[in-house]
Amino acid sequence: MVYQLSLGRKVFLVLNVTLCVLIALAVLFPLWMALVTSLAPDHQVIYRDFIMLPTEINFNCYAVVFQSGYMRGFLNSIFVTVVGTALSMVLTLLAGYVLAQKDLVFRRFFMGFIFVTMVFDAGIMPFYVVVRSLKLIDTYAALFIPVLVSTYNLILVKNYMMSIPESLMESARLDGCSEVGILFKIVIPVSIPIIAAITLFYVVFYWNQYINVLMFINDATKYTIQVLLRQLVFDNASIQSGANRVYSNFKMAVMLVAMLPVLILYPFIQRHFVSGIMLGSIKG
């Protein structure tokens, strides 16, 4: 059966598509300019910072990035992100499963205690004192151990697991399955959407760490790519000599390399992202 769209519906669809196209262009246009500029030779960016259309393609900037100290910063960011995300996911899933048990003694007290940490922040100085007392200063562990569990992510996981039918777990218990077996054989397999969503949250958080690196890391060889990118921008702003100037093509190359992991990861978990967040935020 063919349905005839009303004039108002047609206008809505046209405006909707137009708005989506404009938003897509607004997102893609800066990336396009950054990519084209990063591939431009130095003589094309001496007098202008950005290039709209490519006339020459030059990969020298990327070669310099991967052969210089920026590659070390890139690897540092990958290490912190991978280790931090893995540990955070383990602790968040375990804690979420425990808090999702309706017969847990003092469950409301634990949830209230955890929620307070999301509302009230002790501040930077107490945070630094705690990290220093743990002797984590100038170590990679300082970038993930103090921030392993996000309260927001924990609440999402707990709510999602509470939405799983209790009959599934009761049947497993009747068959002799342990709580660990229920977690790994039933709960985690059906929680893929929320796992994908919070994995992306943790990856973006660890990858974009900047303030914590400045506070806790003194060894320049342990700097992440974000700190090195900041140094590149600010150091170049203080240089007046054209001979020592870092041109925009190199800055764009470093920026794109810093964005690459998240751009690669997001398409693979995007299909789970919305459903995981919606289901995890409904049941409280």
Protein backbone atom coordinates (compact mmCIF):
# COMPACT_ATOMS: atom_id res chain seq x y z
CA MET A 1 0.00 0.00 0.00
CA VAL A 2 1.33 3.43 -0.98
CA TYR A 3 0.77 6.20 1.56
CA GLN A 4 0.34 9.78 0.34
CA LEU A 5 2.39 12.18 2.42
CA SER A 6 0.76 15.42 3.44
CA LEU A 7 2.32 18.75 2.57
CA GLY A 8 3.31 19.35 6.19
CA ARG A 9 4.98 15.94 6.37
CA LYS A 10 6.92 16.60 3.15
CA VAL A 11 8.10 19.97 4.43
CA PHE A 12 9.19 18.35 7.70
CA LEU A 13 11.17 15.64 5.89
CA VAL A 14 12.89 18.19 3.64
CA LEU A 15 13.82 20.40 6.59
CA ASN A 16 14.95 17.37 8.58
CA VAL A 17 17.23 16.11 5.81
CA THR A 18 18.56 19.62 5.17
CA LEU A 19 19.38 20.12 8.84
CA CYS A 20 21.12 16.73 9.05
CA VAL A 21 23.20 17.55 5.97
CA LEU A 22 24.20 20.94 7.42
CA ILE A 23 25.20 19.34 10.72
CA ALA A 24 27.23 16.69 8.88
CA LEU A 25 29.00 19.38 6.84
CA ALA A 26 29.71 21.40 9.99
CA VAL A 27 31.37 18.32 11.51
CA LEU A 28 33.23 17.13 8.41
CA PHE A 29 34.41 20.51 7.10
CA PRO A 30 37.00 21.15 9.86
CA LEU A 31 38.28 17.59 9.50
CA TRP A 32 38.58 18.05 5.75
CA MET A 33 40.50 21.30 6.14
CA ALA A 34 42.79 19.73 8.74
CA LEU A 35 43.49 16.73 6.48
CA VAL A 36 44.19 18.84 3.39
CA THR A 37 46.38 21.25 5.35
CA SER A 38 48.37 18.40 6.92
CA LEU A 39 49.16 17.07 3.44
CA ALA A 40 50.27 20.45 2.08
CA PRO A 41 53.98 21.33 1.75
CA ASP A 42 55.48 24.10 3.87
CA HIS A 43 55.61 26.70 1.11
CA GLN A 44 51.82 26.58 0.75
CA VAL A 45 51.09 27.28 4.41
CA ILE A 46 53.68 30.00 5.07
CA TYR A 47 51.22 32.83 4.49
CA ARG A 48 47.95 31.04 5.24
CA ASP A 49 47.13 28.56 7.97
CA PHE A 50 44.48 26.49 6.22
CA ILE A 51 43.95 25.16 2.71
CA MET A 52 40.56 24.28 1.29
CA LEU A 53 41.51 22.26 -1.80
CA PRO A 54 44.64 20.14 -2.25
CA THR A 55 47.11 21.12 -4.95
CA GLU A 56 50.04 19.01 -3.76
CA ILE A 57 50.17 15.96 -1.50
CA ASN A 58 53.09 15.68 0.88
CA PHE A 59 53.41 13.14 3.72
CA ASN A 60 56.51 14.71 5.26
CA CYS A 61 54.60 16.01 8.28
CA TYR A 62 53.32 12.55 9.15
CA ALA A 63 56.81 11.12 8.70
CA VAL A 64 58.16 13.68 11.17
CA VAL A 65 55.36 12.91 13.65
CA PHE A 66 56.08 9.18 13.67
CA GLN A 67 59.85 9.66 13.82
CA SER A 68 59.93 12.27 16.58
CA GLY A 69 58.99 12.45 20.25
CA TYR A 70 55.34 12.76 19.30
CA MET A 71 55.28 9.05 18.51
CA ARG A 72 56.40 8.34 22.08
CA GLY A 73 53.55 10.48 23.35
CA PHE A 74 51.14 8.65 21.05
CA LEU A 75 52.28 5.29 22.46
CA ASN A 76 52.01 6.62 26.01
CA SER A 77 48.41 7.62 25.35
CA ILE A 78 47.64 4.20 23.89
CA PHE A 79 49.15 2.44 26.92
CA VAL A 80 47.24 4.56 29.45
CA THR A 81 44.01 4.19 27.47
CA VAL A 82 44.22 0.42 27.00
CA VAL A 83 45.27 -0.41 30.57
CA GLY A 84 42.97 2.14 32.16
CA THR A 85 39.94 1.11 30.10
CA ALA A 86 40.50 -2.59 30.78
CA LEU A 87 40.80 -2.10 34.54
CA SER A 88 37.88 0.32 34.63
CA MET A 89 35.62 -2.06 32.71
CA VAL A 90 36.43 -4.96 35.04
CA LEU A 91 35.74 -2.97 38.20
CA THR A 92 32.65 -1.24 36.79
CA LEU A 93 31.06 -4.51 35.64
CA LEU A 94 31.79 -6.28 38.92
CA ALA A 95 30.51 -3.40 41.03
CA GLY A 96 27.48 -2.90 38.79
CA TYR A 97 26.52 -6.57 39.07
CA VAL A 98 26.77 -6.53 42.87
CA LEU A 99 24.75 -3.31 43.21
CA ALA A 100 22.10 -4.67 40.83
CA GLN A 101 21.22 -7.44 43.30
CA LYS A 102 17.94 -6.44 44.93
CA ASP A 103 18.64 -8.55 48.03
CA LEU A 104 22.02 -6.91 48.69
CA VAL A 105 22.24 -5.78 52.32
CA PHE A 106 22.59 -1.98 52.65
CA ARG A 107 22.26 -1.56 48.88
CA ARG A 108 20.56 1.82 49.21
CA PHE A 109 23.29 3.01 51.57
CA PHE A 110 26.03 1.96 49.16
CA MET A 111 24.26 3.65 46.24
CA GLY A 112 23.82 6.85 48.23
CA PHE A 113 27.46 6.80 49.29
CA ILE A 114 28.57 6.31 45.68
CA PHE A 115 26.20 8.98 44.37
CA VAL A 116 27.67 11.56 46.77
CA THR A 117 31.05 11.19 45.05
CA MET A 118 29.45 12.25 41.76
CA VAL A 119 27.79 15.35 43.23
CA PHE A 120 30.57 16.62 45.51
CA ASP A 121 34.19 17.00 44.41
CA ALA A 122 36.95 17.34 47.00
CA GLY A 123 39.05 19.51 44.70
CA ILE A 124 42.43 19.38 43.03
CA MET A 125 44.66 19.78 46.09
CA PRO A 126 43.22 16.84 48.11
CA PHE A 127 43.31 14.79 44.91
CA TYR A 128 47.00 15.59 44.45
CA VAL A 129 47.78 14.85 48.12
CA VAL A 130 46.13 11.43 47.87
CA VAL A 131 48.05 10.55 44.70
CA ARG A 132 51.32 11.71 46.25
CA SER A 133 50.67 9.73 49.45
CA LEU A 134 50.20 6.63 47.31
CA LYS A 135 53.63 7.33 45.74
CA LEU A 136 52.14 7.44 42.25
CA ILE A 137 53.67 10.76 41.18
CA ASP A 138 55.54 10.48 37.87
CA THR A 139 54.12 7.02 37.12
CA TYR A 140 51.63 5.89 34.51
CA ALA A 141 49.51 4.44 37.31
CA ALA A 142 48.70 7.98 38.47
CA LEU A 143 46.73 8.45 35.27
CA PHE A 144 44.29 5.60 35.82
CA ILE A 145 44.35 4.14 39.36
CA PRO A 146 42.79 7.22 41.09
CA VAL A 147 40.02 7.44 38.46
CA LEU A 148 39.31 3.79 37.70
CA VAL A 149 35.54 3.85 38.26
CA SER A 150 33.22 6.55 36.95
CA THR A 151 30.12 6.94 39.12
CA TYR A 152 28.02 7.82 36.09
CA ASN A 153 29.15 4.72 34.19
CA LEU A 154 28.63 2.55 37.27
CA ILE A 155 25.03 3.75 37.63
CA LEU A 156 24.37 3.06 33.94
CA VAL A 157 25.70 -0.49 34.27
CA LYS A 158 23.77 -1.12 37.48
CA ASN A 159 20.50 0.12 35.95
CA TYR A 160 21.01 -1.95 32.81
CA MET A 161 21.70 -5.12 34.78
CA MET A 162 18.62 -4.51 36.91
CA SER A 163 16.55 -4.53 33.70
CA ILE A 164 17.65 -8.11 32.93
CA PRO A 165 14.78 -10.52 33.77
CA GLU A 166 15.33 -12.07 37.17
CA SER A 167 13.98 -15.37 35.83
CA LEU A 168 17.14 -15.86 33.75
CA MET A 169 19.38 -15.73 36.80
CA GLU A 170 17.01 -17.75 38.97
CA SER A 171 16.97 -20.52 36.37
CA ALA A 172 20.77 -20.52 36.32
CA ARG A 173 20.92 -20.74 40.11
CA LEU A 174 18.50 -23.67 40.10
CA ASP A 175 20.82 -25.41 37.62
CA GLY A 176 23.71 -24.96 40.05
CA CYS A 177 25.43 -22.03 38.36
CA SER A 178 27.55 -19.85 40.65
CA GLU A 179 27.29 -16.06 40.81
CA VAL A 180 30.51 -15.77 38.84
CA GLY A 181 29.10 -18.12 36.21
CA ILE A 182 25.87 -16.12 36.03
CA LEU A 183 27.87 -12.92 35.54
CA PHE A 184 30.06 -14.24 32.73
CA LYS A 185 27.60 -16.61 31.03
CA ILE A 186 24.35 -14.65 31.27
CA VAL A 187 24.69 -11.06 32.44
CA ILE A 188 27.70 -9.95 30.40
CA PRO A 189 26.56 -11.52 27.08
CA VAL A 190 23.19 -9.74 27.28
CA SER A 191 24.83 -6.48 28.40
CA ILE A 192 26.86 -5.90 25.24
CA PRO A 193 25.10 -2.58 24.40
CA ILE A 194 25.91 -0.94 27.73
CA ILE A 195 29.41 -2.45 27.74
CA ALA A 196 30.06 -0.91 24.32
CA ALA A 197 28.74 2.46 25.47
CA ILE A 198 30.79 2.75 28.64
CA THR A 199 33.85 1.36 26.88
CA LEU A 200 33.66 4.34 24.55
CA PHE A 201 33.22 6.67 27.53
CA TYR A 202 36.31 5.27 29.25
CA VAL A 203 38.39 5.28 26.06
CA VAL A 204 37.58 8.93 25.36
CA PHE A 205 38.24 9.89 28.99
CA TYR A 206 41.64 8.21 29.20
CA TRP A 207 42.67 9.28 25.72
CA ASN A 208 41.85 12.93 26.40
CA GLN A 209 43.54 13.13 29.81
CA TYR A 210 45.38 16.42 30.07
CA ILE A 211 45.10 18.03 33.52
CA ASN A 212 46.09 14.84 35.35
CA VAL A 213 49.17 14.47 33.15
CA LEU A 214 50.26 18.02 33.94
CA MET A 215 49.71 17.50 37.68
CA PHE A 216 51.22 14.06 38.17
CA ILE A 217 53.83 13.54 35.42
CA ASN A 218 57.18 15.34 35.57
CA ASP A 219 59.14 13.11 33.18
CA ALA A 220 58.68 14.47 29.65
CA THR A 221 59.16 10.98 28.18
CA LYS A 222 55.89 9.95 29.88
CA TYR A 223 53.82 12.81 28.46
CA THR A 224 50.75 11.85 26.46
CA ILE A 225 50.03 13.12 22.97
CA GLN A 226 47.57 15.74 24.27
CA VAL A 227 50.22 17.46 26.39
CA LEU A 228 52.69 17.39 23.51
CA LEU A 229 50.07 18.88 21.21
CA ARG A 230 49.49 21.68 23.70
CA GLN A 231 53.23 22.35 23.89
CA LEU A 232 53.40 22.45 20.11
CA VAL A 233 50.67 25.07 19.87
CA PHE A 234 51.88 27.30 22.72
CA ASP A 235 55.58 27.05 21.89
CA ASN A 236 54.86 28.00 18.30
CA ALA A 237 52.81 31.00 19.43
CA SER A 238 55.86 32.37 21.29
CA ILE A 239 58.21 31.96 18.30
CA GLN A 240 58.48 35.05 16.12
CA SER A 241 61.20 33.87 13.75
CA GLY A 242 59.95 32.32 10.53
CA ALA A 243 62.95 30.01 10.42
CA ASN A 244 61.88 28.30 13.63
CA ARG A 245 58.16 28.49 13.05
CA VAL A 246 56.11 25.30 13.20
CA TYR A 247 53.69 25.60 10.32
CA SER A 248 50.03 24.69 10.50
CA ASN A 249 50.47 21.60 8.32
CA PHE A 250 52.56 19.93 11.03
CA LYS A 251 50.12 20.98 13.76
CA MET A 252 47.21 19.54 11.78
CA ALA A 253 49.11 16.27 11.27
CA VAL A 254 49.72 15.92 15.03
CA MET A 255 46.07 16.76 15.73
CA LEU A 256 44.75 14.16 13.29
CA VAL A 257 47.07 11.49 14.70
CA ALA A 258 45.75 12.33 18.18
CA MET A 259 42.16 11.94 16.94
CA LEU A 260 42.76 8.72 15.02
CA PRO A 261 42.07 6.04 17.69
CA VAL A 262 38.67 7.46 18.68
CA LEU A 263 37.68 7.96 15.04
CA ILE A 264 38.54 4.31 14.33
CA LEU A 265 36.82 2.92 17.43
CA TYR A 266 33.52 4.80 17.29
CA PRO A 267 32.04 3.24 14.10
CA PHE A 268 32.42 -0.27 15.54
CA ILE A 269 30.45 0.40 18.73
CA GLN A 270 28.11 3.13 17.50
CA ARG A 271 25.28 0.68 16.81
CA HIS A 272 25.26 -0.37 20.48
CA PHE A 273 25.77 3.11 21.86
CA VAL A 274 22.24 4.57 21.82
CA SER A 275 20.46 1.40 22.95
CA GLY A 276 22.92 0.88 25.80
CA ILE A 277 22.58 4.43 27.11
CA MET A 278 18.78 4.43 26.82
CA LEU A 279 18.29 1.11 28.61
CA GLY A 280 20.89 1.95 31.23
CA SER A 281 19.26 5.27 32.10
CA ILE A 282 15.61 4.17 32.29
CA LYS A 283 15.48 1.81 35.25
CA GLY A 284 16.67 3.34 38.51
